[in-house]
Amino acid sequence: MDDSLRAQIDTYLRHLDHLIERGRQLRDALTTDSSNMSATAATRIWQQDCGVTVNQLSGGSKSHWLARSYSEAFLMRSATGGVIEAAAPSEIINRLVAVLEQAVMSLSRLDDGAVVSNSSHSSPRHRFEFVHNAELRAVVEQAYSDSRRALEQGLYGQSLLTSCGVLEAIVTDALEHNDFGALASAAVPAGKVADWSFEARLAVAQRAGLIHNGCARLPSVARKYRDLTDVDGECGPKVTVSERDARQVCQVLHVVMRDLDPGR
C-alpha cells in the first residue's frame, strides 16, 4: 500500500471514530431526555456529516453496500417485515453507528484499491505472511477465520476471545523478532516475552514502534480476556460480551495487522 493511500485511510479512520463517538453521546442524551431540543438539532447535523462521509467512501454510488446500509438504517421493520414509519431517534443513531463501524472494519482490512472494499475477505495466502514464525501462520489464519465466523453468527464472546488470541500471537511474534536496544531497560519487563502480560506486550510493541496506538481502543473486557475463559476455553457463564466489544476488538486487530505489515 503506498503512503498516500495509507494516509487517506488513516484520516478516514480517525474521522469515523469521531463520528461514532459523537453518535454515542447524542444517543445517550436522547435516551435520557427525548425532548432535548439541543441534542435533536445536533443529531440532524451529525446525520448530515455521516451522510457526507458515507457518500465519499461510496464514491457517490447509491448502489454501493455502504450507501445502501446507510439508507436502510433509517427504516424500521416489524416482525412481519413491513416498514414502520416512525423510529425512535436513539434507535436510528444506533443503526447509523453500526454502519460507521462497518466502514471502519472495511477500511481496516484494506489491501489495495478503492477506499472501501466490496470484498469481505483478504487473500489467506498474503494475510499473515508478515508473521516471522512460519508454523504460526496457519494457526492464526484459522483462528482469524473462526473469529470472523463467530462474529457473523452472533457468538460475541467466542469472537472476542479468538480475536484477542490472534492479536496477542502476532504481537508476540513481532516482539520476539525485534531488537529492544533502542528502548531503555526500564521500559521492557523482565523475563522472556512469553512471560509478559497481554497488556505489557501491547505496551512494549507500541513503545518500540512496531505498532501505533490502535490498541488504545480495546475495550476493558478484551484487556483481561485471559481471565474470561472456563476450563473448556469458552467464555465463563458470568461473562457478558457485547456485539460492540467484539466488533471493536476485530477492528483493532485489523489495524495492528496493518501496522505489522506495512506492505499491505
C-alpha atoms as a PDB file:
ATOM      1  CA  MET A   1       0.000   0.000   0.000  1.00  0.00           C
ATOM      2  CA  ASP A   2       1.505   3.387  -0.934  1.00  0.00           C
ATOM      3  CA  ASP A   3       1.906   6.162   1.626  1.00  0.00           C
ATOM      4  CA  SER A   4      -0.787   8.394   0.136  1.00  0.00           C
ATOM      5  CA  LEU A   5      -3.456   5.684   0.343  1.00  0.00           C
ATOM      6  CA  ARG A   6      -2.391   4.764   3.875  1.00  0.00           C
ATOM      7  CA  ALA A   7      -2.617   8.429   4.911  1.00  0.00           C
ATOM      8  CA  GLN A   8      -6.063   8.670   3.336  1.00  0.00           C
ATOM      9  CA  ILE A   9      -7.270   5.570   5.176  1.00  0.00           C
ATOM     10  CA  ASP A  10      -5.844   6.768   8.496  1.00  0.00           C
ATOM     11  CA  THR A  11      -7.605  10.115   8.051  1.00  0.00           C
ATOM     12  CA  TYR A  12     -10.934   8.402   7.382  1.00  0.00           C
ATOM     13  CA  LEU A  13     -10.469   6.065  10.345  1.00  0.00           C
ATOM     14  CA  ARG A  14      -9.919   8.992  12.697  1.00  0.00           C
ATOM     15  CA  HIS A  15     -12.926  10.809  11.244  1.00  0.00           C
ATOM     16  CA  LEU A  16     -15.140   7.727  11.564  1.00  0.00           C
ATOM     17  CA  ASP A  17     -14.044   7.208  15.171  1.00  0.00           C
ATOM     18  CA  HIS A  18     -15.016  10.818  15.888  1.00  0.00           C
ATOM     19  CA  LEU A  19     -18.424  10.374  14.248  1.00  0.00           C
ATOM     20  CA  ILE A  20     -19.043   7.158  16.187  1.00  0.00           C
ATOM     21  CA  GLU A  21     -18.186   8.822  19.493  1.00  0.00           C
ATOM     22  CA  ARG A  22     -20.436  11.820  18.694  1.00  0.00           C
ATOM     23  CA  GLY A  23     -23.250   9.458  17.797  1.00  0.00           C
ATOM     24  CA  ARG A  24     -22.999   7.577  21.075  1.00  0.00           C
ATOM     25  CA  GLN A  25     -23.012  10.812  23.061  1.00  0.00           C
ATOM     26  CA  LEU A  26     -26.126  12.020  21.207  1.00  0.00           C
ATOM     27  CA  ARG A  27     -27.841   8.653  21.689  1.00  0.00           C
ATOM     28  CA  ASP A  28     -27.202   8.798  25.432  1.00  0.00           C
ATOM     29  CA  ALA A  29     -28.509  12.357  25.619  1.00  0.00           C
ATOM     30  CA  LEU A  30     -31.719  11.486  23.749  1.00  0.00           C
ATOM     31  CA  THR A  31     -32.207   8.306  25.749  1.00  0.00           C
ATOM     32  CA  THR A  32     -32.073  10.388  28.930  1.00  0.00           C
ATOM     33  CA  ASP A  33     -34.356  13.116  27.546  1.00  0.00           C
ATOM     34  CA  SER A  34     -36.066  12.517  24.197  1.00  0.00           C
ATOM     35  CA  SER A  35     -37.335  16.123  24.185  1.00  0.00           C
ATOM     36  CA  ASN A  36     -33.824  17.594  24.379  1.00  0.00           C
ATOM     37  CA  MET A  37     -34.011  20.126  21.538  1.00  0.00           C
ATOM     38  CA  SER A  38     -30.286  20.841  21.571  1.00  0.00           C
ATOM     39  CA  ALA A  39     -29.461  17.139  21.165  1.00  0.00           C
ATOM     40  CA  THR A  40     -32.123  16.795  18.474  1.00  0.00           C
ATOM     41  CA  ALA A  41     -30.623  19.654  16.459  1.00  0.00           C
ATOM     42  CA  ALA A  42     -27.110  18.261  16.951  1.00  0.00           C
ATOM     43  CA  THR A  43     -28.339  14.851  15.776  1.00  0.00           C
ATOM     44  CA  ARG A  44     -29.538  16.326  12.472  1.00  0.00           C
ATOM     45  CA  ILE A  45     -26.110  17.888  11.900  1.00  0.00           C
ATOM     46  CA  TRP A  46     -24.417  14.597  12.854  1.00  0.00           C
ATOM     47  CA  GLN A  47     -26.603  12.647  10.421  1.00  0.00           C
ATOM     48  CA  GLN A  48     -25.675  15.086   7.648  1.00  0.00           C
ATOM     49  CA  ASP A  49     -21.986  14.635   8.459  1.00  0.00           C
ATOM     50  CA  CYS A  50     -22.467  10.869   8.380  1.00  0.00           C
ATOM     51  CA  GLY A  51     -24.196  11.119   5.010  1.00  0.00           C
ATOM     52  CA  VAL A  52     -21.374  13.187   3.524  1.00  0.00           C
ATOM     53  CA  THR A  53     -18.751  10.717   4.768  1.00  0.00           C
ATOM     54  CA  VAL A  54     -20.681   7.691   3.517  1.00  0.00           C
ATOM     55  CA  ASN A  55     -21.106   9.362   0.125  1.00  0.00           C
ATOM     56  CA  GLN A  56     -17.348   9.963  -0.085  1.00  0.00           C
ATOM     57  CA  LEU A  57     -16.491   6.411   0.910  1.00  0.00           C
ATOM     58  CA  SER A  58     -19.071   5.026  -1.523  1.00  0.00           C
ATOM     59  CA  GLY A  59     -17.692   7.058  -4.409  1.00  0.00           C
ATOM     60  CA  GLY A  60     -21.062   8.760  -4.810  1.00  0.00           C
ATOM     61  CA  SER A  61     -22.744   5.474  -5.774  1.00  0.00           C
ATOM     62  CA  LYS A  62     -26.118   4.853  -4.113  1.00  0.00           C
ATOM     63  CA  SER A  63     -25.841   1.161  -5.053  1.00  0.00           C
ATOM     64  CA  HIS A  64     -22.642   0.721  -3.019  1.00  0.00           C
ATOM     65  CA  TRP A  65     -23.164  -1.551   0.001  1.00  0.00           C
ATOM     66  CA  LEU A  66     -22.225   1.209   2.441  1.00  0.00           C
ATOM     67  CA  ALA A  67     -24.631   3.718   0.908  1.00  0.00           C
ATOM     68  CA  ARG A  68     -27.418   1.113   0.967  1.00  0.00           C
ATOM     69  CA  SER A  69     -26.700   0.274   4.603  1.00  0.00           C
ATOM     70  CA  TYR A  70     -26.839   3.978   5.476  1.00  0.00           C
ATOM     71  CA  SER A  71     -30.225   4.414   3.764  1.00  0.00           C
ATOM     72  CA  GLU A  72     -31.656   1.249   5.345  1.00  0.00           C
ATOM     73  CA  ALA A  73     -30.629   2.451   8.809  1.00  0.00           C
ATOM     74  CA  PHE A  74     -33.487   4.948   8.709  1.00  0.00           C
ATOM     75  CA  LEU A  75     -36.083   2.204   8.092  1.00  0.00           C
ATOM     76  CA  MET A  76     -37.564   0.231  10.942  1.00  0.00           C
ATOM     77  CA  ARG A  77     -39.324  -3.033  10.158  1.00  0.00           C
ATOM     78  CA  SER A  78     -41.932  -5.003  12.046  1.00  0.00           C
ATOM     79  CA  ALA A  79     -41.685  -8.691  12.843  1.00  0.00           C
ATOM     80  CA  THR A  80     -43.548  -9.417   9.591  1.00  0.00           C
ATOM     81  CA  GLY A  81     -41.056  -7.387   7.553  1.00  0.00           C
ATOM     82  CA  GLY A  82     -43.261  -4.353   6.955  1.00  0.00           C
ATOM     83  CA  VAL A  83     -41.762  -0.877   7.229  1.00  0.00           C
ATOM     84  CA  ILE A  84     -42.652   1.104  10.353  1.00  0.00           C
ATOM     85  CA  GLU A  85     -42.755   4.784   9.500  1.00  0.00           C
ATOM     86  CA  ALA A  86     -41.688   6.153  12.905  1.00  0.00           C
ATOM     87  CA  ALA A  87     -38.499   5.098  14.657  1.00  0.00           C
ATOM     88  CA  ALA A  88     -37.017   6.385  17.881  1.00  0.00           C
ATOM     89  CA  PRO A  89     -34.121   8.806  17.209  1.00  0.00           C
ATOM     90  CA  SER A  90     -31.868   6.838  19.548  1.00  0.00           C
ATOM     91  CA  GLU A  91     -32.532   3.643  17.561  1.00  0.00           C
ATOM     92  CA  ILE A  92     -31.690   5.375  14.286  1.00  0.00           C
ATOM     93  CA  ILE A  93     -28.452   6.630  15.858  1.00  0.00           C
ATOM     94  CA  ASN A  94     -27.619   3.069  16.965  1.00  0.00           C
ATOM     95  CA  ARG A  95     -28.122   1.822  13.421  1.00  0.00           C
ATOM     96  CA  LEU A  96     -26.046   4.604  11.883  1.00  0.00           C
ATOM     97  CA  VAL A  97     -23.239   3.936  14.375  1.00  0.00           C
ATOM     98  CA  ALA A  98     -23.324   0.273  13.309  1.00  0.00           C
ATOM     99  CA  VAL A  99     -22.979   1.379   9.671  1.00  0.00           C
ATOM    100  CA  LEU A 100     -19.986   3.555  10.561  1.00  0.00           C
ATOM    101  CA  GLU A 101     -18.417   0.616  12.404  1.00  0.00           C
ATOM    102  CA  GLN A 102     -18.837  -1.500   9.256  1.00  0.00           C
ATOM    103  CA  ALA A 103     -16.956   1.202   7.350  1.00  0.00           C
ATOM    104  CA  VAL A 104     -14.161   1.113   9.946  1.00  0.00           C
ATOM    105  CA  MET A 105     -13.872  -2.673   9.596  1.00  0.00           C
ATOM    106  CA  SER A 106     -13.739  -2.426   5.806  1.00  0.00           C
ATOM    107  CA  LEU A 107     -11.085   0.277   5.872  1.00  0.00           C
ATOM    108  CA  SER A 108      -9.039  -1.621   8.451  1.00  0.00           C
ATOM    109  CA  ARG A 109      -8.745  -4.747   6.312  1.00  0.00           C
ATOM    110  CA  LEU A 110      -7.932  -2.998   3.051  1.00  0.00           C
ATOM    111  CA  ASP A 111      -5.110  -4.400   0.983  1.00  0.00           C
ATOM    112  CA  ASP A 112      -5.333  -2.197  -2.089  1.00  0.00           C
ATOM    113  CA  GLY A 113      -7.692  -0.383  -4.424  1.00  0.00           C
ATOM    114  CA  ALA A 114     -10.798   1.623  -3.573  1.00  0.00           C
ATOM    115  CA  VAL A 115     -11.167   3.335  -0.229  1.00  0.00           C
ATOM    116  CA  VAL A 116     -13.919   0.965   0.898  1.00  0.00           C
ATOM    117  CA  SER A 117     -13.680  -2.563  -0.409  1.00  0.00           C
ATOM    118  CA  ASN A 118     -16.724  -4.539  -1.534  1.00  0.00           C
ATOM    119  CA  SER A 119     -14.927  -7.741  -0.655  1.00  0.00           C
ATOM    120  CA  SER A 120     -15.175  -9.120   2.855  1.00  0.00           C
ATOM    121  CA  HIS A 121     -12.157 -11.377   2.504  1.00  0.00           C
ATOM    122  CA  SER A 122      -8.454 -10.874   2.023  1.00  0.00           C
ATOM    123  CA  SER A 123      -6.321 -13.490   0.398  1.00  0.00           C
ATOM    124  CA  PRO A 124      -5.298 -16.026   3.069  1.00  0.00           C
ATOM    125  CA  ARG A 125      -2.066 -16.527   1.152  1.00  0.00           C
ATOM    126  CA  HIS A 126      -0.949 -12.985   1.952  1.00  0.00           C
ATOM    127  CA  ARG A 127      -2.821 -12.024   5.107  1.00  0.00           C
ATOM    128  CA  PHE A 128      -0.309 -13.348   7.658  1.00  0.00           C
ATOM    129  CA  GLU A 129       2.873 -13.530   5.617  1.00  0.00           C
ATOM    130  CA  PHE A 130       4.332 -10.835   7.878  1.00  0.00           C
ATOM    131  CA  VAL A 131       4.401 -13.366  10.752  1.00  0.00           C
ATOM    132  CA  HIS A 132       8.008 -14.499  11.216  1.00  0.00           C
ATOM    133  CA  ASN A 133       7.180 -17.922  12.651  1.00  0.00           C
ATOM    134  CA  ALA A 134       6.117 -19.920   9.596  1.00  0.00           C
ATOM    135  CA  GLU A 135       4.387 -22.582  11.704  1.00  0.00           C
ATOM    136  CA  LEU A 136       2.277 -19.916  13.413  1.00  0.00           C
ATOM    137  CA  ARG A 137       0.858 -18.501  10.174  1.00  0.00           C
ATOM    138  CA  ALA A 138      -1.583 -21.333   9.526  1.00  0.00           C
ATOM    139  CA  VAL A 139      -2.701 -21.290  13.163  1.00  0.00           C
ATOM    140  CA  VAL A 140      -3.526 -17.581  13.259  1.00  0.00           C
ATOM    141  CA  GLU A 141      -5.122 -17.785   9.812  1.00  0.00           C
ATOM    142  CA  GLN A 142      -7.539 -20.442  11.036  1.00  0.00           C
ATOM    143  CA  ALA A 143      -8.188 -18.568  14.283  1.00  0.00           C
ATOM    144  CA  TYR A 144      -8.816 -15.358  12.344  1.00  0.00           C
ATOM    145  CA  SER A 145     -11.398 -17.117  10.162  1.00  0.00           C
ATOM    146  CA  ASP A 146     -13.007 -18.660  13.249  1.00  0.00           C
ATOM    147  CA  SER A 147     -13.309 -15.261  14.941  1.00  0.00           C
ATOM    148  CA  ARG A 148     -14.969 -13.741  11.857  1.00  0.00           C
ATOM    149  CA  ARG A 149     -17.392 -16.661  11.615  1.00  0.00           C
ATOM    150  CA  ALA A 150     -18.280 -16.404  15.305  1.00  0.00           C
ATOM    151  CA  LEU A 151     -18.933 -12.683  14.933  1.00  0.00           C
ATOM    152  CA  GLU A 152     -21.262 -13.259  11.994  1.00  0.00           C
ATOM    153  CA  GLN A 153     -23.118 -15.934  13.992  1.00  0.00           C
ATOM    154  CA  GLY A 154     -23.591 -13.663  16.989  1.00  0.00           C
ATOM    155  CA  LEU A 155     -21.172 -15.611  19.210  1.00  0.00           C
ATOM    156  CA  TYR A 156     -19.611 -12.433  20.515  1.00  0.00           C
ATOM    157  CA  GLY A 157     -17.733 -13.937  23.456  1.00  0.00           C
ATOM    158  CA  GLN A 158     -16.101 -16.562  21.280  1.00  0.00           C
ATOM    159  CA  SER A 159     -15.276 -13.986  18.619  1.00  0.00           C
ATOM    160  CA  LEU A 160     -13.657 -11.633  21.127  1.00  0.00           C
ATOM    161  CA  LEU A 161     -11.575 -14.361  22.763  1.00  0.00           C
ATOM    162  CA  THR A 162     -10.335 -15.664  19.420  1.00  0.00           C
ATOM    163  CA  SER A 163      -9.556 -12.203  18.038  1.00  0.00           C
ATOM    164  CA  CYS A 164      -7.618 -11.348  21.197  1.00  0.00           C
ATOM    165  CA  GLY A 165      -5.694 -14.611  20.857  1.00  0.00           C
ATOM    166  CA  VAL A 166      -4.716 -13.727  17.291  1.00  0.00           C
ATOM    167  CA  LEU A 167      -3.773 -10.192  18.360  1.00  0.00           C
ATOM    168  CA  GLU A 168      -1.552 -11.476  21.163  1.00  0.00           C
ATOM    169  CA  ALA A 169       0.047 -14.097  18.915  1.00  0.00           C
ATOM    170  CA  ILE A 170       1.061 -11.712  16.142  1.00  0.00           C
ATOM    171  CA  VAL A 171       2.299  -9.028  18.553  1.00  0.00           C
ATOM    172  CA  THR A 172       4.316 -11.647  20.456  1.00  0.00           C
ATOM    173  CA  ASP A 173       5.821 -12.884  17.187  1.00  0.00           C
ATOM    174  CA  ALA A 174       6.847  -9.324  16.287  1.00  0.00           C
ATOM    175  CA  LEU A 175       8.331  -8.722  19.739  1.00  0.00           C
ATOM    176  CA  GLU A 176      10.339 -11.943  19.687  1.00  0.00           C
ATOM    177  CA  HIS A 177      11.948 -10.887  16.411  1.00  0.00           C
ATOM    178  CA  ASN A 178      12.659  -7.299  17.450  1.00  0.00           C
ATOM    179  CA  ASP A 179      15.780  -5.726  18.895  1.00  0.00           C
ATOM    180  CA  PHE A 180      14.916  -3.761  22.051  1.00  0.00           C
ATOM    181  CA  GLY A 181      18.235  -1.948  22.031  1.00  0.00           C
ATOM    182  CA  ALA A 182      16.526   1.367  21.347  1.00  0.00           C
ATOM    183  CA  LEU A 183      14.383   1.063  24.482  1.00  0.00           C
ATOM    184  CA  ALA A 184      15.551   1.820  27.993  1.00  0.00           C
ATOM    185  CA  SER A 185      15.799  -1.303  30.139  1.00  0.00           C
ATOM    186  CA  ALA A 186      13.122   0.108  32.460  1.00  0.00           C
ATOM    187  CA  ALA A 187      10.667   0.124  29.568  1.00  0.00           C
ATOM    188  CA  VAL A 188      10.993  -3.630  28.990  1.00  0.00           C
ATOM    189  CA  PRO A 189       9.661  -6.138  31.555  1.00  0.00           C
ATOM    190  CA  ALA A 190      11.993  -8.770  32.940  1.00  0.00           C
ATOM    191  CA  GLY A 191      11.979 -12.285  31.568  1.00  0.00           C
ATOM    192  CA  LYS A 192      11.022 -13.684  28.183  1.00  0.00           C
ATOM    193  CA  VAL A 193       8.305 -12.129  26.028  1.00  0.00           C
ATOM    194  CA  ALA A 194       6.192 -15.243  26.593  1.00  0.00           C
ATOM    195  CA  ASP A 195       6.172 -14.443  30.334  1.00  0.00           C
ATOM    196  CA  TRP A 196       4.858 -10.890  29.892  1.00  0.00           C
ATOM    197  CA  SER A 197       1.215  -9.974  30.390  1.00  0.00           C
ATOM    198  CA  PHE A 198      -1.010  -9.223  27.418  1.00  0.00           C
ATOM    199  CA  GLU A 199      -1.044  -5.500  28.306  1.00  0.00           C
ATOM    200  CA  ALA A 200       2.749  -5.437  28.678  1.00  0.00           C
ATOM    201  CA  ARG A 201       3.268  -6.948  25.228  1.00  0.00           C
ATOM    202  CA  LEU A 202       0.994  -4.364  23.617  1.00  0.00           C
ATOM    203  CA  ALA A 203       2.659  -1.506  25.508  1.00  0.00           C
ATOM    204  CA  VAL A 204       6.220  -2.550  24.610  1.00  0.00           C
ATOM    205  CA  ALA A 205       5.257  -3.142  20.972  1.00  0.00           C
ATOM    206  CA  GLN A 206       3.909   0.404  20.814  1.00  0.00           C
ATOM    207  CA  ARG A 207       6.944   1.932  22.550  1.00  0.00           C
ATOM    208  CA  ALA A 208       9.225   0.019  20.184  1.00  0.00           C
ATOM    209  CA  GLY A 209       7.366   1.474  17.200  1.00  0.00           C
ATOM    210  CA  LEU A 210       6.133  -1.913  15.981  1.00  0.00           C
ATOM    211  CA  ILE A 211       2.508  -0.803  16.221  1.00  0.00           C
ATOM    212  CA  HIS A 212       0.767   2.533  16.576  1.00  0.00           C
ATOM    213  CA  ASN A 213      -1.805   3.413  19.253  1.00  0.00           C
ATOM    214  CA  GLY A 214      -4.722   1.427  17.826  1.00  0.00           C
ATOM    215  CA  CYS A 215      -4.804  -0.816  20.899  1.00  0.00           C
ATOM    216  CA  ALA A 216      -5.997   2.161  22.946  1.00  0.00           C
ATOM    217  CA  ARG A 217      -9.433   1.369  21.516  1.00  0.00           C
ATOM    218  CA  LEU A 218      -9.522  -2.118  23.036  1.00  0.00           C
ATOM    219  CA  PRO A 219     -12.499  -2.456  25.427  1.00  0.00           C
ATOM    220  CA  SER A 220     -11.700  -3.327  29.032  1.00  0.00           C
ATOM    221  CA  VAL A 221     -13.166  -6.821  28.664  1.00  0.00           C
ATOM    222  CA  ALA A 222     -10.601  -7.570  25.948  1.00  0.00           C
ATOM    223  CA  ARG A 223      -7.656  -6.471  28.069  1.00  0.00           C
ATOM    224  CA  LYS A 224      -8.440  -9.188  30.624  1.00  0.00           C
ATOM    225  CA  TYR A 225      -9.504 -11.799  28.069  1.00  0.00           C
ATOM    226  CA  ARG A 226      -7.156 -14.425  29.518  1.00  0.00           C
ATOM    227  CA  ASP A 227      -9.209 -14.418  32.725  1.00  0.00           C
ATOM    228  CA  LEU A 228     -12.567 -14.864  30.999  1.00  0.00           C
ATOM    229  CA  THR A 229     -12.304 -18.476  29.894  1.00  0.00           C
ATOM    230  CA  ASP A 230     -13.596 -21.560  31.649  1.00  0.00           C
ATOM    231  CA  VAL A 231     -11.923 -24.992  31.676  1.00  0.00           C
ATOM    232  CA  ASP A 232     -13.076 -25.592  28.093  1.00  0.00           C
ATOM    233  CA  GLY A 233     -11.585 -22.351  26.814  1.00  0.00           C
ATOM    234  CA  GLU A 234     -15.001 -20.729  26.388  1.00  0.00           C
ATOM    235  CA  CYS A 235     -16.392 -17.580  27.974  1.00  0.00           C
ATOM    236  CA  GLY A 236     -17.478 -18.291  31.538  1.00  0.00           C
ATOM    237  CA  PRO A 237     -21.234 -18.233  32.286  1.00  0.00           C
ATOM    238  CA  LYS A 238     -20.987 -14.920  34.164  1.00  0.00           C
ATOM    239  CA  VAL A 239     -19.115 -13.149  31.367  1.00  0.00           C
ATOM    240  CA  THR A 240     -21.121 -10.925  29.022  1.00  0.00           C
ATOM    241  CA  VAL A 241     -19.521  -9.715  25.803  1.00  0.00           C
ATOM    242  CA  SER A 242     -21.463  -7.222  23.709  1.00  0.00           C
ATOM    243  CA  GLU A 243     -21.543  -7.066  19.924  1.00  0.00           C
ATOM    244  CA  ARG A 244     -19.887  -3.658  20.158  1.00  0.00           C
ATOM    245  CA  ASP A 245     -16.968  -5.082  22.170  1.00  0.00           C
ATOM    246  CA  ALA A 246     -16.486  -7.996  19.767  1.00  0.00           C
ATOM    247  CA  ARG A 247     -16.552  -5.749  16.715  1.00  0.00           C
ATOM    248  CA  GLN A 248     -14.191  -3.239  18.291  1.00  0.00           C
ATOM    249  CA  VAL A 249     -11.613  -5.942  19.017  1.00  0.00           C
ATOM    250  CA  CYS A 250     -11.921  -7.125  15.422  1.00  0.00           C
ATOM    251  CA  GLN A 251     -11.306  -3.563  14.223  1.00  0.00           C
ATOM    252  CA  VAL A 252      -8.241  -3.179  16.446  1.00  0.00           C
ATOM    253  CA  LEU A 253      -6.880  -6.499  15.189  1.00  0.00           C
ATOM    254  CA  HIS A 254      -7.127  -5.283  11.595  1.00  0.00           C
ATOM    255  CA  VAL A 255      -5.337  -2.043  12.462  1.00  0.00           C
ATOM    256  CA  VAL A 256      -2.483  -3.930  14.173  1.00  0.00           C
ATOM    257  CA  MET A 257      -2.208  -6.315  11.229  1.00  0.00           C
ATOM    258  CA  ARG A 258      -1.739  -3.289   9.007  1.00  0.00           C
ATOM    259  CA  ASP A 259       0.883  -1.855  11.375  1.00  0.00           C
ATOM    260  CA  LEU A 260       2.878  -5.096  11.380  1.00  0.00           C
ATOM    261  CA  ASP A 261       2.661  -5.490   7.616  1.00  0.00           C
ATOM    262  CA  PRO A 262       3.499  -2.054   6.129  1.00  0.00           C
ATOM    263  CA  GLY A 263       3.496  -3.514   2.615  1.00  0.00           C
ATOM    264  CA  ARG A 264      -0.227  -4.360   2.714  1.00  0.00           C
END
